[in-house]
C-alpha atoms as a PDB file:
ATOM      1  CA  MET A   1     -30.956  -8.745 -14.383  1.00  0.00           C
ATOM      2  CA  ALA A   2     -32.410 -12.214 -14.492  1.00  0.00           C
ATOM      3  CA  SER A   3     -32.180 -14.321 -11.597  1.00  0.00           C
ATOM      4  CA  LEU A   4     -30.544 -17.608 -11.739  1.00  0.00           C
ATOM      5  CA  ASP A   5     -31.862 -20.609  -9.900  1.00  0.00           C
ATOM      6  CA  LYS A   6     -28.780 -22.111  -7.857  1.00  0.00           C
ATOM      7  CA  THR A   7     -30.320 -25.471  -7.227  1.00  0.00           C
ATOM      8  CA  SER A   8     -31.036 -25.834 -11.278  1.00  0.00           C
ATOM      9  CA  VAL A   9     -27.414 -24.859 -11.984  1.00  0.00           C
ATOM     10  CA  ARG A  10     -25.892 -26.925  -9.481  1.00  0.00           C
ATOM     11  CA  SER A  11     -27.733 -30.354 -10.651  1.00  0.00           C
ATOM     12  CA  GLN A  12     -26.971 -29.599 -14.036  1.00  0.00           C
ATOM     13  CA  VAL A  13     -23.174 -29.273 -13.077  1.00  0.00           C
ATOM     14  CA  GLU A  14     -23.478 -32.392 -11.027  1.00  0.00           C
ATOM     15  CA  LYS A  15     -24.891 -34.264 -14.059  1.00  0.00           C
ATOM     16  CA  VAL A  16     -21.926 -33.242 -16.368  1.00  0.00           C
ATOM     17  CA  ARG A  17     -19.790 -34.272 -13.275  1.00  0.00           C
ATOM     18  CA  LYS A  18     -21.444 -38.006 -13.320  1.00  0.00           C
ATOM     19  CA  ASP A  19     -21.298 -38.329 -16.994  1.00  0.00           C
ATOM     20  CA  PHE A  20     -17.715 -37.423 -17.234  1.00  0.00           C
ATOM     21  CA  GLU A  21     -17.085 -39.963 -14.609  1.00  0.00           C
ATOM     22  CA  ARG A  22     -19.175 -43.069 -16.059  1.00  0.00           C
ATOM     23  CA  LEU A  23     -17.086 -42.084 -19.847  1.00  0.00           C
ATOM     24  CA  ARG A  24     -13.876 -42.061 -17.712  1.00  0.00           C
ATOM     25  CA  SER A  25     -14.657 -45.584 -15.905  1.00  0.00           C
ATOM     26  CA  ASP A  26     -15.695 -46.910 -19.183  1.00  0.00           C
ATOM     27  CA  GLY A  27     -12.263 -45.909 -20.748  1.00  0.00           C
ATOM     28  CA  LYS A  28     -13.959 -43.807 -23.353  1.00  0.00           C
ATOM     29  CA  VAL A  29     -11.594 -40.823 -22.129  1.00  0.00           C
ATOM     30  CA  SER A  30      -7.842 -40.099 -23.358  1.00  0.00           C
ATOM     31  CA  PRO A  31      -5.258 -38.913 -20.658  1.00  0.00           C
ATOM     32  CA  GLU A  32      -5.062 -35.298 -21.950  1.00  0.00           C
ATOM     33  CA  VAL A  33      -9.064 -34.877 -22.152  1.00  0.00           C
ATOM     34  CA  GLN A  34      -9.430 -36.122 -18.562  1.00  0.00           C
ATOM     35  CA  ALA A  35      -7.105 -33.663 -17.003  1.00  0.00           C
ATOM     36  CA  ILE A  36      -8.646 -30.695 -19.366  1.00  0.00           C
ATOM     37  CA  MET A  37     -12.341 -31.813 -17.618  1.00  0.00           C
ATOM     38  CA  SER A  38     -10.974 -32.308 -14.425  1.00  0.00           C
ATOM     39  CA  SER A  39      -9.689 -28.461 -14.304  1.00  0.00           C
ATOM     40  CA  MET A  40     -12.927 -27.600 -16.546  1.00  0.00           C
ATOM     41  CA  LEU A  41     -15.030 -28.569 -13.497  1.00  0.00           C
ATOM     42  CA  MET A  42     -12.802 -27.117 -10.745  1.00  0.00           C
ATOM     43  CA  ILE A  43     -12.909 -23.597 -11.989  1.00  0.00           C
ATOM     44  CA  VAL A  44     -16.800 -24.309 -12.613  1.00  0.00           C
ATOM     45  CA  GLU A  45     -17.056 -25.012  -8.995  1.00  0.00           C
ATOM     46  CA  LEU A  46     -14.798 -21.921  -7.631  1.00  0.00           C
ATOM     47  CA  ILE A  47     -17.309 -19.571 -10.079  1.00  0.00           C
ATOM     48  CA  LEU A  48     -20.020 -21.204  -8.439  1.00  0.00           C
ATOM     49  CA  ALA A  49     -19.110 -20.994  -5.127  1.00  0.00           C
ATOM     50  CA  ILE A  50     -18.027 -17.163  -5.304  1.00  0.00           C
ATOM     51  CA  PHE A  51     -20.610 -16.221  -7.810  1.00  0.00           C
ATOM     52  CA  LEU A  52     -24.043 -18.120  -6.595  1.00  0.00           C
ATOM     53  CA  GLU A  53     -23.425 -18.838  -3.099  1.00  0.00           C
ATOM     54  CA  ARG A  54     -21.632 -15.290  -2.213  1.00  0.00           C
ATOM     55  CA  THR A  55     -24.350 -12.526  -0.962  1.00  0.00           C
ATOM     56  CA  THR A  56     -22.000  -9.721  -1.726  1.00  0.00           C
ATOM     57  CA  LYS A  57     -22.515  -8.040  -4.940  1.00  0.00           C
ATOM     58  CA  LYS A  58     -19.532  -7.370  -6.394  1.00  0.00           C
ATOM     59  CA  ASN A  59     -19.364  -3.630  -7.976  1.00  0.00           C
ATOM     60  CA  SER A  60     -16.154  -3.718  -9.870  1.00  0.00           C
ATOM     61  CA  ALA A  61     -16.139  -1.393 -13.061  1.00  0.00           C
ATOM     62  CA  ASN A  62     -13.485  -3.756 -14.976  1.00  0.00           C
ATOM     63  CA  SER A  63     -10.652  -5.712 -13.459  1.00  0.00           C
ATOM     64  CA  SER A  64      -8.274  -2.824 -13.219  1.00  0.00           C
ATOM     65  CA  ILE A  65     -10.001  -1.335  -9.745  1.00  0.00           C
ATOM     66  CA  PRO A  66      -7.918  -2.618  -7.178  1.00  0.00           C
ATOM     67  CA  PRO A  67      -9.216  -4.203  -3.670  1.00  0.00           C
ATOM     68  CA  SER A  68      -8.549  -1.356  -1.651  1.00  0.00           C
ATOM     69  CA  GLN A  69     -11.040   0.701  -3.908  1.00  0.00           C
ATOM     70  CA  THR A  70     -13.734  -1.699  -3.649  1.00  0.00           C
ATOM     71  CA  ASP A  71     -16.677  -2.357  -1.066  1.00  0.00           C
ATOM     72  CA  LYS A  72     -16.017  -4.319   1.650  1.00  0.00           C
ATOM     73  CA  ASP A  73     -16.850  -8.184   0.887  1.00  0.00           C
ATOM     74  CA  ASN A  74     -19.186  -8.665   4.163  1.00  0.00           C
ATOM     75  CA  SER A  75     -19.682 -12.605   2.811  1.00  0.00           C
ATOM     76  CA  SER A  76     -15.877 -13.360   3.795  1.00  0.00           C
ATOM     77  CA  PRO A  77     -15.494 -14.743   6.868  1.00  0.00           C
ATOM     78  CA  THR A  78     -14.334 -12.566   9.729  1.00  0.00           C
ATOM     79  CA  ASP A  79     -12.018 -12.861  12.692  1.00  0.00           C
ATOM     80  CA  PRO A  80     -13.613 -13.846  15.697  1.00  0.00           C
ATOM     81  CA  GLY A  81     -13.503 -10.735  18.263  1.00  0.00           C
ATOM     82  CA  SER A  82     -12.343  -8.595  15.653  1.00  0.00           C
ATOM     83  CA  LYS A  83     -15.750  -6.360  16.401  1.00  0.00           C
ATOM     84  CA  GLY A  84     -14.727  -6.481  20.230  1.00  0.00           C
ATOM     85  CA  LYS A  85     -13.835  -3.521  22.423  1.00  0.00           C
ATOM     86  CA  GLY A  86     -10.205  -2.814  22.982  1.00  0.00           C
ATOM     87  CA  LYS A  87      -8.991  -5.597  20.815  1.00  0.00           C
ATOM     88  CA  LYS A  88      -5.372  -5.809  21.005  1.00  0.00           C
ATOM     89  CA  ALA A  89      -3.349  -4.638  18.132  1.00  0.00           C
ATOM     90  CA  ASP A  90      -0.691  -6.581  16.288  1.00  0.00           C
ATOM     91  CA  GLY A  91       2.617  -5.369  16.262  1.00  0.00           C
ATOM     92  CA  GLU A  92       5.171  -3.867  18.941  1.00  0.00           C
ATOM     93  CA  THR A  93       4.858  -0.116  21.035  1.00  0.00           C
ATOM     94  CA  VAL A  94       7.783   2.177  21.210  1.00  0.00           C
ATOM     95  CA  LYS A  95      10.880   2.121  23.683  1.00  0.00           C
ATOM     96  CA  ASN A  96      10.985   5.758  24.523  1.00  0.00           C
ATOM     97  CA  ARG A  97       8.060   6.277  26.615  1.00  0.00           C
ATOM     98  CA  ARG A  98       7.107   5.687  30.076  1.00  0.00           C
ATOM     99  CA  THR A  99       3.883   5.199  32.435  1.00  0.00           C
ATOM    100  CA  ILE A 100       2.517   6.703  35.065  1.00  0.00           C
ATOM    101  CA  GLU A 101       0.052   4.931  36.764  1.00  0.00           C
ATOM    102  CA  THR A 102      -1.461   5.714  39.972  1.00  0.00           C
ATOM    103  CA  LEU A 103      -3.995   3.879  42.365  1.00  0.00           C
ATOM    104  CA  THR A 104      -6.424   6.189  44.735  1.00  0.00           C
ATOM    105  CA  ILE A 105      -8.707   4.559  47.221  1.00  0.00           C
ATOM    106  CA  VAL A 106     -11.817   5.975  48.345  1.00  0.00           C
ATOM    107  CA  PRO A 107     -12.478   4.811  51.324  1.00  0.00           C
ATOM    108  CA  VAL A 108     -15.953   4.279  53.007  1.00  0.00           C
ATOM    109  CA  ASP A 109     -15.385   5.579  56.796  1.00  0.00           C
ATOM    110  CA  TYR A 110     -19.248   5.899  57.803  1.00  0.00           C
ATOM    111  CA  CYS A 111     -22.446   4.988  56.746  1.00  0.00           C
ATOM    112  CA  ASP A 112     -24.424   7.175  54.838  1.00  0.00           C
ATOM    113  CA  LYS A 113     -27.715   6.476  56.180  1.00  0.00           C
ATOM    114  CA  CYS A 114     -27.383   5.728  59.916  1.00  0.00           C
ATOM    115  CA  GLY A 115     -23.882   7.177  60.431  1.00  0.00           C
ATOM    116  CA  ALA A 116     -22.188   3.809  61.745  1.00  0.00           C
ATOM    117  CA  ASP A 117     -18.506   4.120  62.046  1.00  0.00           C
ATOM    118  CA  LEU A 118     -16.932   1.570  59.161  1.00  0.00           C
ATOM    119  CA  ARG A 119     -13.434   1.962  59.553  1.00  0.00           C
ATOM    120  CA  GLN A 120     -12.994  -1.272  60.589  1.00  0.00           C
ATOM    121  CA  VAL A 121     -15.208  -3.354  58.923  1.00  0.00           C
ATOM    122  CA  GLY A 122     -14.076  -5.628  56.094  1.00  0.00           C
ATOM    123  CA  CYS A 123     -14.242  -4.619  52.502  1.00  0.00           C
ATOM    124  CA  THR A 124     -14.272  -5.500  48.508  1.00  0.00           C
ATOM    125  CA  HIS A 125     -13.256  -3.200  45.752  1.00  0.00           C
ATOM    126  CA  GLU A 126     -14.594  -2.149  42.606  1.00  0.00           C
ATOM    127  CA  ARG A 127     -12.487  -0.323  39.990  1.00  0.00           C
ATOM    128  CA  ARG A 128     -12.887   2.277  37.295  1.00  0.00           C
ATOM    129  CA  THR A 129      -9.742   3.069  35.100  1.00  0.00           C
ATOM    130  CA  LYS A 130      -9.126   6.434  33.202  1.00  0.00           C
ATOM    131  CA  ILE A 131      -6.403   6.204  30.060  1.00  0.00           C
ATOM    132  CA  ASP A 132      -5.194   9.819  29.082  1.00  0.00           C
ATOM    133  CA  ILE A 133      -2.255  10.873  27.074  1.00  0.00           C
ATOM    134  CA  ILE A 134      -0.287  14.109  28.365  1.00  0.00           C
ATOM    135  CA  PHE A 135       2.513  14.995  25.716  1.00  0.00           C
ATOM    136  CA  GLU A 136       5.676  15.860  27.155  1.00  0.00           C
ATOM    137  CA  LYS A 137       8.420  18.151  25.903  1.00  0.00           C
ATOM    138  CA  VAL A 138      11.972  17.614  27.227  1.00  0.00           C
ATOM    139  CA  VAL A 139      14.516  20.167  26.688  1.00  0.00           C
ATOM    140  CA  GLU A 140      18.043  19.761  27.917  1.00  0.00           C
ATOM    141  CA  HIS A 141      20.568  22.535  28.485  1.00  0.00           C
ATOM    142  CA  VAL A 142      24.267  21.727  28.851  1.00  0.00           C
ATOM    143  CA  GLU A 143      26.460  24.547  29.409  1.00  0.00           C
ATOM    144  CA  VAL A 144      30.475  24.249  29.309  1.00  0.00           C
ATOM    145  CA  GLU A 145      32.917  26.057  31.551  1.00  0.00           C
ATOM    146  CA  ILE A 146      35.401  28.437  29.357  1.00  0.00           C
ATOM    147  CA  LYS A 147      38.530  29.536  31.567  1.00  0.00           C
ATOM    148  CA  GLN A 148      41.993  31.042  30.688  1.00  0.00           C
ATOM    149  CA  CYS A 149      44.855  29.580  32.120  1.00  0.00           C
ATOM    150  CA  PRO A 150      46.484  32.233  34.046  1.00  0.00           C
ATOM    151  CA  SER A 151      49.895  30.491  33.351  1.00  0.00           C
ATOM    152  CA  CYS A 152      50.208  30.044  29.922  1.00  0.00           C
ATOM    153  CA  GLU A 153      46.887  32.134  28.781  1.00  0.00           C
ATOM    154  CA  ARG A 154      45.553  29.231  26.742  1.00  0.00           C
ATOM    155  CA  VAL A 155      41.835  29.180  26.693  1.00  0.00           C
ATOM    156  CA  ILE A 156      40.407  25.858  27.842  1.00  0.00           C
ATOM    157  CA  LYS A 157      36.239  25.189  27.046  1.00  0.00           C
ATOM    158  CA  GLY A 158      34.681  21.538  28.427  1.00  0.00           C
ATOM    159  CA  LYS A 159      33.477  18.957  26.227  1.00  0.00           C
ATOM    160  CA  PHE A 160      29.812  18.808  25.146  1.00  0.00           C
ATOM    161  CA  PRO A 161      28.523  15.405  25.147  1.00  0.00           C
ATOM    162  CA  VAL A 162      29.133  13.335  21.921  1.00  0.00           C
ATOM    163  CA  ASP A 163      25.480  13.354  20.896  1.00  0.00           C
ATOM    164  CA  MET A 164      25.251  17.441  20.831  1.00  0.00           C
ATOM    165  CA  PRO A 165      27.675  18.291  18.387  1.00  0.00           C
ATOM    166  CA  GLY A 166      25.817  21.819  17.294  1.00  0.00           C
ATOM    167  CA  PRO A 167      23.916  24.546  18.947  1.00  0.00           C
ATOM    168  CA  LEU A 168      20.884  22.508  18.641  1.00  0.00           C
ATOM    169  CA  GLN A 169      19.683  19.139  18.111  1.00  0.00           C
ATOM    170  CA  TYR A 170      16.528  16.841  18.375  1.00  0.00           C
ATOM    171  CA  GLY A 171      17.059  13.642  20.485  1.00  0.00           C
ATOM    172  CA  LEU A 172      16.215  10.482  19.155  1.00  0.00           C
ATOM    173  CA  GLY A 173      12.432  10.723  20.382  1.00  0.00           C
ATOM    174  CA  VAL A 174      11.858  13.521  18.358  1.00  0.00           C
ATOM    175  CA  GLN A 175      13.611  11.663  15.262  1.00  0.00           C
ATOM    176  CA  ALA A 176      11.903   8.455  15.622  1.00  0.00           C
ATOM    177  CA  PHE A 177       8.266   9.999  15.870  1.00  0.00           C
ATOM    178  CA  ILE A 178       9.239  12.363  12.909  1.00  0.00           C
ATOM    179  CA  ILE A 179      10.805   9.049  11.061  1.00  0.00           C
ATOM    180  CA  ASN A 180       7.426   7.007  11.668  1.00  0.00           C
ATOM    181  CA  LEU A 181       4.632   9.459  10.388  1.00  0.00           C
ATOM    182  CA  LEU A 182       7.191   9.495   6.952  1.00  0.00           C
ATOM    183  CA  ALA A 183       7.986   6.264   6.427  1.00  0.00           C
ATOM    184  CA  CYS A 184       5.485   4.286   8.511  1.00  0.00           C
ATOM    185  CA  GLN A 185       2.340   6.642   8.115  1.00  0.00           C
ATOM    186  CA  MET A 186       3.132   7.874   5.017  1.00  0.00           C
ATOM    187  CA  VAL A 187       2.037  11.805   6.252  1.00  0.00           C
ATOM    188  CA  ALA A 188       2.961  14.292   3.745  1.00  0.00           C
ATOM    189  CA  LEU A 189       5.997  16.764   5.254  1.00  0.00           C
ATOM    190  CA  LYS A 190       3.825  19.419   5.730  1.00  0.00           C
ATOM    191  CA  ARG A 191       1.559  18.071   7.928  1.00  0.00           C
ATOM    192  CA  ALA A 192       4.324  16.158  10.089  1.00  0.00           C
ATOM    193  CA  GLN A 193       5.531  19.752  10.466  1.00  0.00           C
ATOM    194  CA  ALA A 194       2.754  20.772  11.845  1.00  0.00           C
ATOM    195  CA  LEU A 195       2.003  18.180  14.123  1.00  0.00           C
ATOM    196  CA  VAL A 196       5.541  18.037  15.345  1.00  0.00           C
ATOM    197  CA  TYR A 197       4.972  21.615  15.976  1.00  0.00           C
ATOM    198  CA  SER A 198       1.339  21.393  17.819  1.00  0.00           C
ATOM    199  CA  ILE A 199       3.360  19.043  20.401  1.00  0.00           C
ATOM    200  CA  ILE A 200       6.807  20.829  21.113  1.00  0.00           C
ATOM    201  CA  ASP A 201       5.963  24.188  20.127  1.00  0.00           C
ATOM    202  CA  VAL A 202       9.192  24.293  17.532  1.00  0.00           C
ATOM    203  CA  VAL A 203       8.924  24.336  13.360  1.00  0.00           C
ATOM    204  CA  ILE A 204      11.350  21.611  12.266  1.00  0.00           C
ATOM    205  CA  ALA A 205      12.539  22.437   8.565  1.00  0.00           C
ATOM    206  CA  GLU A 206      11.454  19.744   6.194  1.00  0.00           C
ATOM    207  CA  ALA A 207      15.299  19.473   5.131  1.00  0.00           C
ATOM    208  CA  THR A 208      16.005  18.487   8.650  1.00  0.00           C
ATOM    209  CA  MET A 209      13.229  15.878   8.789  1.00  0.00           C
ATOM    210  CA  LEU A 210      14.362  14.443   5.675  1.00  0.00           C
ATOM    211  CA  GLN A 211      17.939  14.312   6.896  1.00  0.00           C
ATOM    212  CA  PHE A 212      16.442  11.924   9.657  1.00  0.00           C
ATOM    213  CA  ILE A 213      15.201  10.000   6.877  1.00  0.00           C
ATOM    214  CA  LEU A 214      18.400   9.684   5.667  1.00  0.00           C
ATOM    215  CA  ARG A 215      20.782   8.764   8.231  1.00  0.00           C
ATOM    216  CA  LEU A 216      18.269   5.843   8.899  1.00  0.00           C
ATOM    217  CA  HIS A 217      18.897   5.015   5.284  1.00  0.00           C
ATOM    218  CA  ALA A 218      22.545   4.676   5.703  1.00  0.00           C
ATOM    219  CA  ALA A 219      22.276   3.021   9.184  1.00  0.00           C
ATOM    220  CA  LEU A 220      20.091   0.255   7.639  1.00  0.00           C
ATOM    221  CA  GLU A 221      22.371  -0.710   4.398  1.00  0.00           C
ATOM    222  CA  ASN A 222      24.156  -3.510   6.169  1.00  0.00           C
ATOM    223  CA  TRP A 223      20.580  -4.553   6.811  1.00  0.00           C
ATOM    224  CA  GLU A 224      19.265  -4.492   3.588  1.00  0.00           C
ATOM    225  CA  VAL A 225      22.109  -6.427   1.798  1.00  0.00           C
ATOM    226  CA  ARG A 226      21.368  -8.856   4.579  1.00  0.00           C
ATOM    227  CA  ALA A 227      17.404  -9.127   3.955  1.00  0.00           C
ATOM    228  CA  THR A 228      17.746  -9.048   0.290  1.00  0.00           C
ATOM    229  CA  GLU A 229      19.765 -12.577   0.432  1.00  0.00           C
ATOM    230  CA  LYS A 230      17.205 -13.818   3.023  1.00  0.00           C
ATOM    231  CA  LEU A 231      14.509 -13.108   0.181  1.00  0.00           C
ATOM    232  CA  LEU A 232      15.959 -14.642  -2.475  1.00  0.00           C
ATOM    233  CA  LEU A 233      16.305 -17.767  -0.311  1.00  0.00           C
ATOM    234  CA  GLU A 234      12.915 -17.813   0.389  1.00  0.00           C
ATOM    235  CA  ALA A 235      10.738 -20.267  -1.503  1.00  0.00           C
ATOM    236  CA  VAL A 236       7.766 -17.819  -2.251  1.00  0.00           C
ATOM    237  CA  MET A 237       8.103 -14.175  -2.132  1.00  0.00           C
ATOM    238  CA  HIS A 238       5.158 -11.626  -2.843  1.00  0.00           C
ATOM    239  CA  VAL A 239       5.667  -8.871  -4.944  1.00  0.00           C
ATOM    240  CA  ASP A 240       3.658  -5.586  -5.705  1.00  0.00           C
ATOM    241  CA  GLU A 241       3.981  -1.875  -6.485  1.00  0.00           C
ATOM    242  CA  THR A 242       2.274   1.265  -5.954  1.00  0.00           C
ATOM    243  CA  SER A 243       2.682   5.003  -6.308  1.00  0.00           C
ATOM    244  CA  LEU A 244       3.763   7.773  -4.494  1.00  0.00           C
ATOM    245  CA  ARG A 245       4.214  11.294  -5.543  1.00  0.00           C
ATOM    246  CA  VAL A 246       7.932  12.552  -4.392  1.00  0.00           C
ATOM    247  CA  ASP A 247       8.585  16.462  -5.322  1.00  0.00           C
ATOM    248  CA  LYS A 248       4.973  16.355  -7.371  1.00  0.00           C
ATOM    249  CA  THR A 249       6.459  13.452  -9.384  1.00  0.00           C
ATOM    250  CA  ASN A 250       4.931   9.937  -9.495  1.00  0.00           C
ATOM    251  CA  TYR A 251       7.282   7.253  -8.324  1.00  0.00           C
ATOM    252  CA  TRP A 252       6.772   4.035  -7.652  1.00  0.00           C
ATOM    253  CA  ILE A 253       7.111   2.052  -4.400  1.00  0.00           C
ATOM    254  CA  HIS A 254       8.306  -2.032  -5.408  1.00  0.00           C
ATOM    255  CA  VAL A 255       7.154  -4.098  -2.275  1.00  0.00           C
ATOM    256  CA  HIS A 256       9.198  -7.446  -1.680  1.00  0.00           C
ATOM    257  CA  SER A 257       7.925  -9.567   0.981  1.00  0.00           C
ATOM    258  CA  ALA A 258       8.607 -13.128   2.412  1.00  0.00           C
ATOM    259  CA  GLY A 259       9.562 -14.810   5.338  1.00  0.00           C
ATOM    260  CA  GLY A 260       8.691 -11.991   8.026  1.00  0.00           C
ATOM    261  CA  ILE A 261      10.951  -9.568   5.841  1.00  0.00           C
ATOM    262  CA  THR A 262       9.133  -6.818   3.981  1.00  0.00           C
ATOM    263  CA  LEU A 263      11.737  -4.877   1.574  1.00  0.00           C
ATOM    264  CA  LYS A 264      10.182  -1.585  -0.041  1.00  0.00           C
ATOM    265  CA  LYS A 265      12.142   0.218  -3.133  1.00  0.00           C
ATOM    266  CA  LEU A 266      11.567   3.157  -4.644  1.00  0.00           C
ATOM    267  CA  HIS A 267      12.029   4.153  -8.153  1.00  0.00           C
ATOM    268  CA  ARG A 268      10.974   6.517 -10.778  1.00  0.00           C
ATOM    269  CA  LYS A 269       9.536   3.516 -13.249  1.00  0.00           C
ATOM    270  CA  ARG A 270       7.431   0.799 -12.530  1.00  0.00           C
ATOM    271  CA  GLY A 271       8.235  -2.227 -15.235  1.00  0.00           C
ATOM    272  CA  ILE A 272      11.216  -3.951 -16.206  1.00  0.00           C
ATOM    273  CA  LYS A 273      13.940  -1.013 -15.754  1.00  0.00           C
ATOM    274  CA  ALA A 274      13.195  -0.550 -11.883  1.00  0.00           C
ATOM    275  CA  MET A 275      13.102  -4.236 -11.442  1.00  0.00           C
ATOM    276  CA  GLU A 276      16.348  -4.720 -12.964  1.00  0.00           C
ATOM    277  CA  GLU A 277      17.912  -2.067 -11.233  1.00  0.00           C
ATOM    278  CA  ASN A 278      16.338  -3.028  -7.966  1.00  0.00           C
ATOM    279  CA  ASP A 279      18.441  -6.291  -8.405  1.00  0.00           C
ATOM    280  CA  ILE A 280      15.846  -8.731  -6.518  1.00  0.00           C
ATOM    281  CA  ILE A 281      13.445 -10.300  -8.808  1.00  0.00           C
ATOM    282  CA  PRO A 282      15.759 -11.088 -11.761  1.00  0.00           C
ATOM    283  CA  ARG A 283      18.207 -13.240  -9.133  1.00  0.00           C
ATOM    284  CA  TYR A 284      15.229 -14.987  -7.511  1.00  0.00           C
ATOM    285  CA  MET A 285      14.795 -18.411  -8.170  1.00  0.00           C
ATOM    286  CA  GLY A 286      11.135 -19.367  -6.142  1.00  0.00           C
ATOM    287  CA  LYS A 287       7.587 -18.803  -6.774  1.00  0.00           C
ATOM    288  CA  LEU A 288       6.806 -14.939  -7.205  1.00  0.00           C
ATOM    289  CA  ILE A 289       3.141 -14.153  -6.607  1.00  0.00           C
ATOM    290  CA  HIS A 290       2.119 -10.830  -8.141  1.00  0.00           C
ATOM    291  CA  ASP A 291      -0.694  -9.061  -9.419  1.00  0.00           C
ATOM    292  CA  CYS A 292      -0.408 -10.471 -13.119  1.00  0.00           C
ATOM    293  CA  TRP A 293       1.505  -7.278 -14.169  1.00  0.00           C
ATOM    294  CA  ALA A 294       3.140  -7.932 -17.548  1.00  0.00           C
ATOM    295  CA  SER A 295       6.419  -6.832 -16.354  1.00  0.00           C
ATOM    296  CA  TYR A 296       6.508 -10.109 -13.810  1.00  0.00           C
ATOM    297  CA  PHE A 297       6.130 -12.461 -16.471  1.00  0.00           C
ATOM    298  CA  SER A 298       9.094 -11.396 -18.463  1.00  0.00           C
ATOM    299  CA  TYR A 299      11.625 -13.474 -15.905  1.00  0.00           C
ATOM    300  CA  SER A 300      11.719 -17.200 -16.467  1.00  0.00           C
ATOM    301  CA  ASN A 301      14.046 -17.459 -13.455  1.00  0.00           C
ATOM    302  CA  CYS A 302      11.386 -17.488 -11.394  1.00  0.00           C
ATOM    303  CA  GLY A 303       7.834 -19.786 -11.164  1.00  0.00           C
ATOM    304  CA  HIS A 304       4.887 -17.594 -10.822  1.00  0.00           C
ATOM    305  CA  GLY A 305       1.827 -17.282  -9.131  1.00  0.00           C
ATOM    306  CA  LEU A 306      -1.011 -14.811  -8.699  1.00  0.00           C
ATOM    307  CA  CYS A 307      -2.816 -12.983  -5.835  1.00  0.00           C
ATOM    308  CA  GLY A 308      -5.911 -14.386  -4.995  1.00  0.00           C
ATOM    309  CA  SER A 309      -7.610 -10.947  -4.875  1.00  0.00           C
ATOM    310  CA  HIS A 310      -6.787 -10.294  -8.368  1.00  0.00           C
ATOM    311  CA  LEU A 311      -7.750 -13.561  -9.172  1.00  0.00           C
ATOM    312  CA  LEU A 312     -11.161 -12.937  -7.887  1.00  0.00           C
ATOM    313  CA  ARG A 313     -11.365  -9.406  -9.099  1.00  0.00           C
ATOM    314  CA  GLU A 314     -10.703 -10.854 -12.902  1.00  0.00           C
ATOM    315  CA  LEU A 315     -13.770 -13.566 -12.116  1.00  0.00           C
ATOM    316  CA  THR A 316     -15.741 -10.737 -11.071  1.00  0.00           C
ATOM    317  CA  PHE A 317     -15.062  -9.175 -14.415  1.00  0.00           C
ATOM    318  CA  VAL A 318     -15.754 -11.834 -16.596  1.00  0.00           C
ATOM    319  CA  VAL A 319     -18.881 -12.489 -14.709  1.00  0.00           C
ATOM    320  CA  LYS A 320     -20.170  -9.240 -15.281  1.00  0.00           C
ATOM    321  CA  THR A 321     -19.347  -8.648 -18.908  1.00  0.00           C
ATOM    322  CA  ASN A 322     -20.870 -12.210 -19.817  1.00  0.00           C
ATOM    323  CA  ARG A 323     -24.366 -12.216 -18.016  1.00  0.00           C
ATOM    324  CA  TYR A 324     -26.489 -14.902 -18.833  1.00  0.00           C
END
């Protein structure tokens, strides 16, 4: 591939810009041409900045490859301190946990050289820390008394706690851990089952784990309604879709994100049918930011904007298919 002289390309673009400015100042350019040329020059500047001044070589075979499947762009600015050890992660920690922290003082009573008594000598301290995890299985048995009344011969049984309706149930900690694996970490059912077994030595049926998800879904029904209404009021909303295998069948997760709210909806289809049944985009009046998927453009009730990562990928495709 032939190399380009960045300086010469820049000088030619600058020459064109100066000629255009001179013609415009002389009144020889109509307003329509001025608008077109300004946009063209802006696009040229963008292309130069991306493809002539970046050091990272793009390797997208075509514009359909998502950013997650391309190499890291090392020319992009990095977050200061992101490579530091022990960087604090964003997000909240789980609540159903406890921390056991101990401090052990190792005394220095005698000098290891001359044997002098140092117990009354002042000191400073040097600390070293070790963090470990010990998985703790908590089993709670509740037995109620069963008695027969000697007067009326009625059998009376004590009452179990309301959160123990059956012979065996799993606590909120186990349920939350499984929900996190399945819904947040996207771990497969069998892998989640094996991981839970390695911790509590109990095999939880896949149907039981899915019941935890269904209960959460029912509990979040009111939240989903409120979240949808808030999304519809946001000036800008980001949308995307990604595939997910459900019972060996390809489904699609439709993501709607704005104002700190992220709402995901699962649907068998990817296009307009799913969007209509999800009933968010058809009612949205703000600016919709998406990946140029044709189904989004079918909605004229909202404005449209394209994702920056997808724009860069499209420009990469243009440059690679139109080499100098």
